[in-house]
Structures are given as C-alpha cells and as structure tokens.
Amino acid sequence: MEMSERFKPDILGDVRHMDAIGSESFDSVLSNQVLEHVDDVEAAVAEMHRVLKPGGCLCVSVPFIGRLHGMPHDYWRFSISGVRHLLEKHGFEVAFIEPMGGFLTTMCYLWNFHLYERTRKCAVARCLCRALMTALNPLSLLLHRLDRDETTPFNYVAVARKREKTDPVSSAVGSAPDG
C-alpha cells in the first residue's frame, strides 16, 4: 500500500483510512519507515490493528535519530517507550523492540548522509564521496559490531501481535469471585 502511484503499489491508499481493506484480512502487516510521515499516528496504528487477524503479527520500524527527509511530511521520531505505549494502547502485545545501532553506528549513518547530501550538486565530489563511503564501510561495520550503546539508535524495530479474541462467557466465568 502506498499513497503515490509513483511506486506502482498494489493498493493506492492512506494508512490512516484503509477502507479498501476488510477488517481482519491479513496475517501480518509490515510498516517500514512509514509512521514518521503520518500526521495522525494513532489512526494509522488503529487501522493496522483493524486489518490484522486475531493473533496477527505487526512488524514496524521507526526512526529515533535521523535527518529530516520526505519533507514537508516528516512529523515524528519515536523512543522505545513511545513505540511500546503506542502499540499497547492499540491492543497489541509487544513481543520485542530492538534498537538498530547505537551511538557509533548512528554517527556513521549521519555522517554518510551529511557527506552525500553536501556533494549532491557536484558530480566529481559525489564520485569521491561514494569512493570514500565504500572505503570506510568496513570501518563502519566494525564500529557497529563494537557498539553496545542501546540509548542512541537511529531506528527501532518492533514486533507485536494482535491479541486473540476471548470468549466473553468463559472470561466472565473464569473471573468470577469465589463464594
């Protein structure tokens, strides 16, 4: 699903209003670097919950530290607590939330983007930048392997499940006080 024809999506639409998709239609939903571009995140997550079957899996990646992109529609950055709160508020059981990178990895990521964007207008500088990035990638990978800091990731990846439906009769019977 995508909002723009440019990417030739299977479904052209808005994640906040997935009216073309029936409730409980999918076993899984993948949202990869989308939520930071949605002005009403609550509506988007509620819709993801609606289209998932009970027990269905949501995998979502969101930025924590990163440059502005996709302007003028870059609205949010998410902490680990914010991701958990958002998912649990909308009826998901969080299986895990993992940071992607730490301080060293994030610095490498930000420097790569900084240099690449600053050389955009000069073909020779862009070519040199690509060569420098290629040469420094092994160092970046080494820093990533050594990086144990989980407080400064550039992204988070979360996996959560839509809670199974419960039988209201058995729930009420099971929760009745003894007496």
N, C-alpha and C. Protein backbone atom coordinates (compact mmCIF):
# COMPACT_ATOMS: atom_id res chain seq x y z
N MET A 1 0.85 -1.17 0.00
CA MET A 1 0.00 0.00 0.00
C MET A 1 0.89 1.23 0.00
N GLU A 2 0.51 2.19 -0.79
CA GLU A 2 1.30 3.41 -0.91
C GLU A 2 0.35 4.56 -1.26
N MET A 3 0.72 5.77 -0.88
CA MET A 3 -0.11 6.94 -1.19
C MET A 3 0.14 7.48 -2.60
N SER A 4 1.23 7.09 -3.21
CA SER A 4 1.60 7.64 -4.50
C SER A 4 1.63 6.57 -5.58
N GLU A 5 1.09 6.89 -6.74
CA GLU A 5 1.14 5.99 -7.90
C GLU A 5 2.58 5.76 -8.35
N ARG A 6 3.46 6.72 -8.01
CA ARG A 6 4.84 6.70 -8.46
C ARG A 6 5.52 5.36 -8.18
N PHE A 7 5.17 4.72 -7.08
CA PHE A 7 5.81 3.46 -6.69
C PHE A 7 5.06 2.22 -7.17
N LYS A 8 3.99 2.43 -7.94
CA LYS A 8 3.18 1.35 -8.50
C LYS A 8 2.73 0.33 -7.44
N PRO A 9 2.01 0.82 -6.42
CA PRO A 9 1.59 -0.08 -5.34
C PRO A 9 0.45 -1.01 -5.77
N ASP A 10 0.30 -2.10 -5.04
CA ASP A 10 -0.86 -2.97 -5.25
C ASP A 10 -2.13 -2.26 -4.85
N ILE A 11 -2.05 -1.49 -3.77
CA ILE A 11 -3.20 -0.72 -3.29
C ILE A 11 -2.76 0.72 -3.13
N LEU A 12 -3.48 1.63 -3.77
CA LEU A 12 -3.24 3.05 -3.62
C LEU A 12 -4.15 3.52 -2.49
N GLY A 13 -3.57 4.07 -1.44
CA GLY A 13 -4.41 4.48 -0.32
C GLY A 13 -3.64 5.13 0.80
N ASP A 14 -4.35 5.38 1.87
CA ASP A 14 -3.84 6.10 3.03
C ASP A 14 -3.89 5.18 4.24
N VAL A 15 -2.77 5.01 4.91
CA VAL A 15 -2.68 4.09 6.04
C VAL A 15 -3.60 4.52 7.19
N ARG A 16 -4.03 5.77 7.20
CA ARG A 16 -4.94 6.24 8.25
C ARG A 16 -6.38 5.82 7.98
N HIS A 17 -6.69 5.50 6.72
CA HIS A 17 -8.05 5.15 6.32
C HIS A 17 -7.98 4.04 5.28
N MET A 18 -7.79 2.81 5.73
CA MET A 18 -7.65 1.69 4.80
C MET A 18 -9.02 1.07 4.49
N ASP A 19 -9.93 1.91 4.01
CA ASP A 19 -11.31 1.48 3.75
C ASP A 19 -11.41 0.38 2.70
N ALA A 20 -10.46 0.31 1.80
CA ALA A 20 -10.49 -0.70 0.74
C ALA A 20 -10.14 -2.10 1.28
N ILE A 21 -9.68 -2.17 2.52
CA ILE A 21 -9.26 -3.44 3.11
C ILE A 21 -10.24 -3.81 4.22
N GLY A 22 -10.76 -5.02 4.15
CA GLY A 22 -11.69 -5.50 5.16
C GLY A 22 -11.01 -5.74 6.50
N SER A 23 -11.80 -5.69 7.55
CA SER A 23 -11.29 -5.99 8.89
C SER A 23 -10.80 -7.43 8.97
N GLU A 24 -9.75 -7.63 9.73
CA GLU A 24 -9.17 -8.96 9.97
C GLU A 24 -8.85 -9.70 8.67
N SER A 25 -8.23 -8.99 7.72
CA SER A 25 -7.90 -9.55 6.41
C SER A 25 -6.50 -10.16 6.31
N PHE A 26 -5.58 -9.70 7.14
CA PHE A 26 -4.17 -10.08 6.98
C PHE A 26 -3.61 -10.80 8.19
N ASP A 27 -2.69 -11.73 7.93
CA ASP A 27 -1.95 -12.42 9.00
C ASP A 27 -0.82 -11.55 9.52
N SER A 28 -0.30 -10.65 8.67
CA SER A 28 0.80 -9.80 9.09
C SER A 28 0.73 -8.46 8.36
N VAL A 29 1.31 -7.46 9.02
CA VAL A 29 1.43 -6.11 8.46
C VAL A 29 2.87 -5.67 8.69
N LEU A 30 3.49 -5.14 7.64
CA LEU A 30 4.84 -4.58 7.73
C LEU A 30 4.75 -3.08 7.47
N SER A 31 5.26 -2.30 8.39
CA SER A 31 5.32 -0.85 8.24
C SER A 31 6.77 -0.45 8.39
N ASN A 32 7.41 -0.16 7.27
CA ASN A 32 8.84 0.12 7.25
C ASN A 32 9.08 1.60 7.00
N GLN A 33 9.46 2.32 8.06
CA GLN A 33 9.78 3.74 7.97
C GLN A 33 8.62 4.54 7.37
N VAL A 34 7.43 4.32 7.90
CA VAL A 34 6.22 5.00 7.43
C VAL A 34 5.68 5.96 8.48
N LEU A 35 5.61 5.52 9.72
CA LEU A 35 4.88 6.28 10.74
C LEU A 35 5.40 7.69 10.97
N GLU A 36 6.68 7.93 10.74
CA GLU A 36 7.18 9.29 10.92
C GLU A 36 6.60 10.26 9.90
N HIS A 37 6.01 9.73 8.83
CA HIS A 37 5.44 10.57 7.78
C HIS A 37 3.92 10.70 7.86
N VAL A 38 3.32 10.16 8.91
CA VAL A 38 1.87 10.16 9.06
C VAL A 38 1.49 11.17 10.14
N ASP A 39 0.65 12.14 9.77
CA ASP A 39 0.30 13.17 10.74
C ASP A 39 -0.57 12.65 11.88
N ASP A 40 -1.35 11.60 11.65
CA ASP A 40 -2.20 11.01 12.70
C ASP A 40 -1.76 9.56 12.94
N VAL A 41 -0.72 9.40 13.73
CA VAL A 41 -0.15 8.07 14.01
C VAL A 41 -1.16 7.17 14.69
N GLU A 42 -1.97 7.74 15.57
CA GLU A 42 -2.99 6.96 16.29
C GLU A 42 -3.94 6.29 15.31
N ALA A 43 -4.40 7.03 14.32
CA ALA A 43 -5.33 6.47 13.32
C ALA A 43 -4.64 5.39 12.51
N ALA A 44 -3.39 5.60 12.15
CA ALA A 44 -2.66 4.62 11.34
C ALA A 44 -2.50 3.30 12.10
N VAL A 45 -2.10 3.36 13.36
CA VAL A 45 -1.90 2.13 14.14
C VAL A 45 -3.25 1.45 14.41
N ALA A 46 -4.29 2.23 14.63
CA ALA A 46 -5.63 1.65 14.81
C ALA A 46 -6.06 0.90 13.55
N GLU A 47 -5.76 1.44 12.38
CA GLU A 47 -6.10 0.77 11.13
C GLU A 47 -5.27 -0.50 10.93
N MET A 48 -4.01 -0.46 11.29
CA MET A 48 -3.18 -1.65 11.19
C MET A 48 -3.76 -2.75 12.08
N HIS A 49 -4.20 -2.37 13.27
CA HIS A 49 -4.82 -3.32 14.19
C HIS A 49 -6.11 -3.88 13.58
N ARG A 50 -6.91 -3.03 12.99
CA ARG A 50 -8.19 -3.44 12.41
C ARG A 50 -8.03 -4.47 11.30
N VAL A 51 -7.04 -4.27 10.42
CA VAL A 51 -6.89 -5.16 9.26
C VAL A 51 -6.19 -6.48 9.60
N LEU A 52 -5.59 -6.55 10.78
CA LEU A 52 -4.92 -7.79 11.21
C LEU A 52 -5.93 -8.78 11.79
N LYS A 53 -5.71 -10.04 11.46
CA LYS A 53 -6.49 -11.11 12.07
C LYS A 53 -6.08 -11.24 13.53
N PRO A 54 -6.96 -11.77 14.40
CA PRO A 54 -6.53 -12.03 15.78
C PRO A 54 -5.29 -12.94 15.78
N GLY A 55 -4.31 -12.58 16.58
CA GLY A 55 -3.05 -13.31 16.60
C GLY A 55 -2.09 -12.87 15.50
N GLY A 56 -2.52 -11.96 14.63
CA GLY A 56 -1.69 -11.48 13.53
C GLY A 56 -0.49 -10.69 14.03
N CYS A 57 0.51 -10.62 13.19
CA CYS A 57 1.80 -10.03 13.55
C CYS A 57 2.01 -8.67 12.86
N LEU A 58 2.42 -7.69 13.64
CA LEU A 58 2.80 -6.38 13.12
C LEU A 58 4.30 -6.23 13.30
N CYS A 59 4.99 -5.87 12.22
CA CYS A 59 6.41 -5.53 12.29
C CYS A 59 6.52 -4.09 11.83
N VAL A 60 7.09 -3.26 12.69
CA VAL A 60 7.17 -1.83 12.38
C VAL A 60 8.59 -1.33 12.67
N SER A 61 9.11 -0.53 11.76
CA SER A 61 10.38 0.15 12.02
C SER A 61 10.12 1.65 11.98
N VAL A 62 10.74 2.34 12.94
CA VAL A 62 10.55 3.79 13.08
C VAL A 62 11.87 4.44 13.45
N PRO A 63 12.06 5.70 13.06
CA PRO A 63 13.31 6.39 13.39
C PRO A 63 13.31 6.93 14.82
N PHE A 64 14.50 6.97 15.40
CA PHE A 64 14.72 7.65 16.67
C PHE A 64 15.58 8.89 16.44
N ILE A 65 16.73 8.69 15.79
CA ILE A 65 17.61 9.81 15.46
C ILE A 65 17.85 9.74 13.95
N GLY A 66 17.60 10.83 13.29
CA GLY A 66 17.84 10.83 11.85
C GLY A 66 17.59 12.20 11.27
N ARG A 67 18.06 12.38 10.09
CA ARG A 67 17.90 13.65 9.42
C ARG A 67 16.47 13.83 8.95
N LEU A 68 16.07 15.06 8.71
CA LEU A 68 14.77 15.33 8.12
C LEU A 68 14.75 14.78 6.70
N HIS A 69 13.65 14.19 6.32
CA HIS A 69 13.52 13.63 4.98
C HIS A 69 12.04 13.56 4.63
N GLY A 70 11.75 13.45 3.36
CA GLY A 70 10.36 13.38 2.92
C GLY A 70 9.57 14.63 3.26
N MET A 71 10.26 15.75 3.27
CA MET A 71 9.61 17.00 3.65
C MET A 71 8.57 17.38 2.61
N PRO A 72 7.47 17.98 2.99
CA PRO A 72 7.19 18.55 4.32
C PRO A 72 6.48 17.58 5.26
N HIS A 73 6.49 16.30 4.93
CA HIS A 73 5.75 15.32 5.73
C HIS A 73 6.68 14.43 6.55
N ASP A 74 7.45 15.04 7.41
CA ASP A 74 8.31 14.33 8.35
C ASP A 74 7.93 14.86 9.73
N TYR A 75 7.07 14.10 10.45
CA TYR A 75 6.44 14.61 11.66
C TYR A 75 7.03 14.11 12.97
N TRP A 76 7.53 12.88 13.03
CA TRP A 76 7.80 12.25 14.32
C TRP A 76 9.15 11.54 14.38
N ARG A 77 9.64 11.36 15.61
CA ARG A 77 10.71 10.44 15.96
C ARG A 77 10.18 9.67 17.18
N PHE A 78 10.57 8.42 17.33
CA PHE A 78 9.98 7.55 18.34
C PHE A 78 11.02 6.99 19.30
N SER A 79 10.76 7.08 20.59
CA SER A 79 11.60 6.42 21.59
C SER A 79 11.07 5.00 21.80
N ILE A 80 11.87 4.16 22.46
CA ILE A 80 11.44 2.80 22.74
C ILE A 80 10.17 2.80 23.59
N SER A 81 10.08 3.73 24.55
CA SER A 81 8.89 3.83 25.39
C SER A 81 7.69 4.29 24.58
N GLY A 82 7.91 5.21 23.66
CA GLY A 82 6.82 5.70 22.82
C GLY A 82 6.27 4.62 21.90
N VAL A 83 7.15 3.81 21.33
CA VAL A 83 6.71 2.72 20.45
C VAL A 83 5.88 1.72 21.25
N ARG A 84 6.39 1.32 22.41
CA ARG A 84 5.66 0.37 23.26
C ARG A 84 4.29 0.92 23.65
N HIS A 85 4.25 2.14 24.11
CA HIS A 85 2.99 2.77 24.52
C HIS A 85 1.99 2.80 23.36
N LEU A 86 2.44 3.23 22.20
CA LEU A 86 1.57 3.32 21.03
C LEU A 86 0.98 1.96 20.66
N LEU A 87 1.81 0.94 20.63
CA LEU A 87 1.34 -0.39 20.24
C LEU A 87 0.40 -0.99 21.29
N GLU A 88 0.78 -0.90 22.55
CA GLU A 88 -0.07 -1.46 23.61
C GLU A 88 -1.41 -0.72 23.71
N LYS A 89 -1.38 0.58 23.51
CA LYS A 89 -2.61 1.38 23.56
C LYS A 89 -3.62 0.91 22.51
N HIS A 90 -3.11 0.39 21.41
CA HIS A 90 -3.99 -0.04 20.31
C HIS A 90 -4.20 -1.55 20.27
N GLY A 91 -3.99 -2.22 21.40
CA GLY A 91 -4.37 -3.62 21.52
C GLY A 91 -3.33 -4.63 21.06
N PHE A 92 -2.09 -4.23 20.96
CA PHE A 92 -1.04 -5.15 20.57
C PHE A 92 -0.28 -5.65 21.80
N GLU A 93 0.17 -6.89 21.73
CA GLU A 93 1.10 -7.44 22.71
C GLU A 93 2.48 -7.35 22.08
N VAL A 94 3.36 -6.59 22.69
CA VAL A 94 4.69 -6.37 22.14
C VAL A 94 5.57 -7.59 22.42
N ALA A 95 6.07 -8.21 21.36
CA ALA A 95 7.00 -9.34 21.51
C ALA A 95 8.40 -8.81 21.80
N PHE A 96 8.84 -7.82 21.02
CA PHE A 96 10.13 -7.18 21.29
C PHE A 96 10.24 -5.87 20.54
N ILE A 97 11.12 -5.03 21.05
CA ILE A 97 11.51 -3.78 20.39
C ILE A 97 13.03 -3.76 20.44
N GLU A 98 13.65 -3.71 19.28
CA GLU A 98 15.11 -3.75 19.20
C GLU A 98 15.65 -2.44 18.63
N PRO A 99 16.71 -1.91 19.24
CA PRO A 99 17.37 -0.74 18.65
C PRO A 99 18.19 -1.17 17.45
N MET A 100 18.25 -0.30 16.46
CA MET A 100 19.12 -0.53 15.30
C MET A 100 20.30 0.42 15.44
N GLY A 101 21.40 -0.15 15.86
CA GLY A 101 22.60 0.64 16.04
C GLY A 101 22.62 1.34 17.38
N GLY A 102 23.76 1.94 17.67
CA GLY A 102 23.95 2.72 18.87
C GLY A 102 24.65 4.01 18.50
N PHE A 103 25.36 4.61 19.43
CA PHE A 103 25.98 5.90 19.18
C PHE A 103 26.93 5.87 17.99
N LEU A 104 27.85 4.92 17.96
CA LEU A 104 28.84 4.86 16.87
C LEU A 104 28.18 4.61 15.52
N THR A 105 27.25 3.68 15.48
CA THR A 105 26.54 3.36 14.24
C THR A 105 25.75 4.57 13.76
N THR A 106 25.06 5.22 14.70
CA THR A 106 24.26 6.39 14.34
C THR A 106 25.14 7.51 13.81
N MET A 107 26.31 7.72 14.42
CA MET A 107 27.22 8.76 13.92
C MET A 107 27.68 8.45 12.49
N CYS A 108 28.02 7.18 12.22
CA CYS A 108 28.43 6.79 10.86
C CYS A 108 27.28 7.05 9.87
N TYR A 109 26.09 6.65 10.27
CA TYR A 109 24.90 6.85 9.44
C TYR A 109 24.69 8.33 9.13
N LEU A 110 24.76 9.17 10.16
CA LEU A 110 24.54 10.61 9.97
C LEU A 110 25.64 11.25 9.12
N TRP A 111 26.90 10.84 9.34
CA TRP A 111 28.00 11.38 8.53
C TRP A 111 27.84 10.98 7.06
N ASN A 112 27.48 9.73 6.80
CA ASN A 112 27.28 9.29 5.41
C ASN A 112 26.23 10.16 4.71
N PHE A 113 25.10 10.37 5.37
CA PHE A 113 24.06 11.20 4.76
C PHE A 113 24.52 12.64 4.61
N HIS A 114 25.19 13.15 5.61
CA HIS A 114 25.67 14.53 5.55
C HIS A 114 26.59 14.73 4.34
N LEU A 115 27.59 13.87 4.21
CA LEU A 115 28.53 13.99 3.10
C LEU A 115 27.85 13.79 1.75
N TYR A 116 26.98 12.81 1.68
CA TYR A 116 26.30 12.51 0.42
C TYR A 116 25.43 13.68 -0.02
N GLU A 117 24.70 14.27 0.91
CA GLU A 117 23.84 15.41 0.56
C GLU A 117 24.65 16.64 0.19
N ARG A 118 25.79 16.85 0.84
CA ARG A 118 26.60 18.04 0.56
C ARG A 118 27.31 17.95 -0.79
N THR A 119 27.39 16.76 -1.37
CA THR A 119 28.06 16.62 -2.66
C THR A 119 27.06 16.44 -3.81
N ARG A 120 25.79 16.66 -3.52
CA ARG A 120 24.71 16.43 -4.49
C ARG A 120 24.90 17.20 -5.80
N LYS A 121 25.40 18.43 -5.73
CA LYS A 121 25.44 19.30 -6.91
C LYS A 121 26.71 19.17 -7.74
N CYS A 122 27.69 18.43 -7.25
CA CYS A 122 28.96 18.33 -7.97
C CYS A 122 29.26 16.85 -8.25
N ALA A 123 29.26 16.50 -9.52
CA ALA A 123 29.44 15.09 -9.91
C ALA A 123 30.79 14.54 -9.43
N VAL A 124 31.86 15.33 -9.52
CA VAL A 124 33.18 14.86 -9.09
C VAL A 124 33.18 14.64 -7.57
N ALA A 125 32.64 15.59 -6.82
CA ALA A 125 32.58 15.45 -5.36
C ALA A 125 31.70 14.26 -4.97
N ARG A 126 30.61 14.05 -5.70
CA ARG A 126 29.72 12.91 -5.40
C ARG A 126 30.47 11.60 -5.65
N CYS A 127 31.23 11.54 -6.72
CA CYS A 127 32.00 10.34 -7.04
C CYS A 127 33.05 10.07 -5.96
N LEU A 128 33.74 11.11 -5.51
CA LEU A 128 34.72 10.97 -4.44
C LEU A 128 34.05 10.55 -3.13
N CYS A 129 32.89 11.10 -2.88
CA CYS A 129 32.13 10.75 -1.67
C CYS A 129 31.75 9.27 -1.68
N ARG A 130 31.27 8.79 -2.82
CA ARG A 130 30.91 7.37 -2.94
C ARG A 130 32.14 6.48 -2.70
N ALA A 131 33.28 6.87 -3.26
CA ALA A 131 34.50 6.10 -3.06
C ALA A 131 34.91 6.11 -1.59
N LEU A 132 34.81 7.27 -0.95
CA LEU A 132 35.15 7.38 0.47
C LEU A 132 34.20 6.51 1.31
N MET A 133 32.91 6.56 1.01
CA MET A 133 31.94 5.75 1.76
C MET A 133 32.22 4.26 1.58
N THR A 134 32.55 3.86 0.36
CA THR A 134 32.86 2.45 0.09
C THR A 134 34.10 2.02 0.87
N ALA A 135 35.10 2.90 0.90
CA ALA A 135 36.34 2.58 1.62
C ALA A 135 36.12 2.53 3.13
N LEU A 136 35.23 3.38 3.64
CA LEU A 136 35.01 3.46 5.09
C LEU A 136 33.95 2.49 5.59
N ASN A 137 33.20 1.85 4.70
CA ASN A 137 32.16 0.92 5.14
C ASN A 137 32.68 -0.20 6.04
N PRO A 138 33.83 -0.81 5.76
CA PRO A 138 34.33 -1.84 6.69
C PRO A 138 34.58 -1.28 8.10
N LEU A 139 35.07 -0.04 8.19
CA LEU A 139 35.26 0.59 9.49
C LEU A 139 33.91 0.81 10.18
N SER A 140 32.93 1.25 9.42
CA SER A 140 31.58 1.45 9.97
C SER A 140 31.01 0.13 10.49
N LEU A 141 31.21 -0.94 9.74
CA LEU A 141 30.72 -2.25 10.18
C LEU A 141 31.43 -2.71 11.46
N LEU A 142 32.73 -2.45 11.54
CA LEU A 142 33.48 -2.80 12.75
C LEU A 142 32.95 -2.00 13.95
N LEU A 143 32.76 -0.70 13.76
CA LEU A 143 32.22 0.14 14.84
C LEU A 143 30.83 -0.36 15.27
N HIS A 144 30.03 -0.76 14.29
CA HIS A 144 28.70 -1.29 14.60
C HIS A 144 28.79 -2.55 15.47
N ARG A 145 29.73 -3.42 15.14
CA ARG A 145 29.89 -4.67 15.91
C ARG A 145 30.36 -4.38 17.34
N LEU A 146 31.14 -3.34 17.51
CA LEU A 146 31.66 -2.98 18.83
C LEU A 146 30.68 -2.13 19.65
N ASP A 147 29.71 -1.57 18.98
CA ASP A 147 28.78 -0.60 19.57
C ASP A 147 27.74 -1.30 20.45
N ARG A 148 27.84 -1.12 21.75
CA ARG A 148 26.90 -1.75 22.69
C ARG A 148 25.89 -0.75 23.26
N ASP A 149 25.99 0.50 22.85
CA ASP A 149 25.09 1.54 23.36
C ASP A 149 23.71 1.37 22.74
N GLU A 150 22.69 1.14 23.56
CA GLU A 150 21.32 0.99 23.06
C GLU A 150 20.49 2.24 23.31
N THR A 151 21.12 3.33 23.75
CA THR A 151 20.37 4.55 24.05
C THR A 151 20.36 5.55 22.90
N THR A 152 21.12 5.28 21.85
CA THR A 152 21.24 6.24 20.76
C THR A 152 21.10 5.57 19.39
N PRO A 153 20.08 4.75 19.19
CA PRO A 153 19.93 4.11 17.88
C PRO A 153 19.36 5.08 16.85
N PHE A 154 19.56 4.77 15.59
CA PHE A 154 18.92 5.60 14.57
C PHE A 154 17.50 5.12 14.29
N ASN A 155 17.20 3.86 14.58
CA ASN A 155 15.85 3.30 14.37
C ASN A 155 15.52 2.31 15.48
N TYR A 156 14.24 1.98 15.56
CA TYR A 156 13.77 0.84 16.35
C TYR A 156 12.96 -0.06 15.44
N VAL A 157 13.06 -1.35 15.70
CA VAL A 157 12.20 -2.34 15.04
C VAL A 157 11.38 -3.00 16.14
N ALA A 158 10.07 -3.04 15.94
CA ALA A 158 9.18 -3.66 16.92
C ALA A 158 8.36 -4.75 16.24
N VAL A 159 8.16 -5.83 16.97
CA VAL A 159 7.27 -6.91 16.52
C VAL A 159 6.22 -7.08 17.62
N ALA A 160 4.97 -7.09 17.19
CA ALA A 160 3.86 -7.21 18.13
C ALA A 160 2.76 -8.07 17.52
N ARG A 161 1.91 -8.61 18.38
CA ARG A 161 0.79 -9.44 17.94
C ARG A 161 -0.52 -8.79 18.35
N LYS A 162 -1.50 -8.94 17.47
CA LYS A 162 -2.85 -8.53 17.83
C LYS A 162 -3.39 -9.59 18.79
N ARG A 163 -3.91 -9.14 19.90
CA ARG A 163 -4.42 -10.08 20.89
C ARG A 163 -5.51 -10.95 20.29
N GLU A 164 -5.54 -12.21 20.71
CA GLU A 164 -6.59 -13.14 20.28
C GLU A 164 -7.91 -12.70 20.90
N LYS A 165 -8.98 -12.98 20.20
CA LYS A 165 -10.30 -12.69 20.77
C LYS A 165 -10.56 -13.68 21.89
N THR A 166 -11.21 -13.20 22.94
CA THR A 166 -11.55 -14.08 24.04
C THR A 166 -13.07 -14.25 24.09
N ASP A 167 -13.49 -15.38 24.57
CA ASP A 167 -14.91 -15.68 24.72
C ASP A 167 -15.40 -14.96 25.97
N PRO A 168 -16.33 -13.98 25.82
CA PRO A 168 -16.76 -13.21 26.99
C PRO A 168 -17.38 -14.07 28.08
N VAL A 169 -18.04 -15.18 27.73
CA VAL A 169 -18.68 -16.05 28.73
C VAL A 169 -17.62 -16.74 29.58
N SER A 170 -16.60 -17.35 28.91
CA SER A 170 -15.58 -18.04 29.69
C SER A 170 -14.72 -17.05 30.46
N SER A 171 -14.52 -15.85 29.92
CA SER A 171 -13.76 -14.84 30.65
C SER A 171 -14.50 -14.43 31.91
N ALA A 172 -15.81 -14.23 31.78
CA ALA A 172 -16.61 -13.82 32.94
C ALA A 172 -16.66 -14.93 33.96
N VAL A 173 -16.81 -16.17 33.53
CA VAL A 173 -16.87 -17.31 34.44
C VAL A 173 -15.53 -17.46 35.15
N GLY A 174 -14.44 -17.34 34.39
CA GLY A 174 -13.11 -17.51 34.96
C GLY A 174 -12.74 -16.40 35.94
N SER A 175 -13.38 -15.25 35.82
CA SER A 175 -13.00 -14.13 36.67
C SER A 175 -13.99 -13.91 37.81
N ALA A 176 -15.00 -14.77 37.93
CA ALA A 176 -15.99 -14.60 38.99
C ALA A 176 -15.36 -14.88 40.35
N PRO A 177 -15.73 -14.05 41.34
CA PRO A 177 -15.16 -14.29 42.69
C PRO A 177 -15.65 -15.59 43.28
N ASP A 178 -14.81 -16.20 44.11
CA ASP A 178 -15.21 -17.45 44.79
C ASP A 178 -16.27 -17.12 45.83
N GLY A 179 -17.19 -18.05 46.06
CA GLY A 179 -18.13 -17.77 47.11
C GLY A 179 -19.28 -18.59 47.00
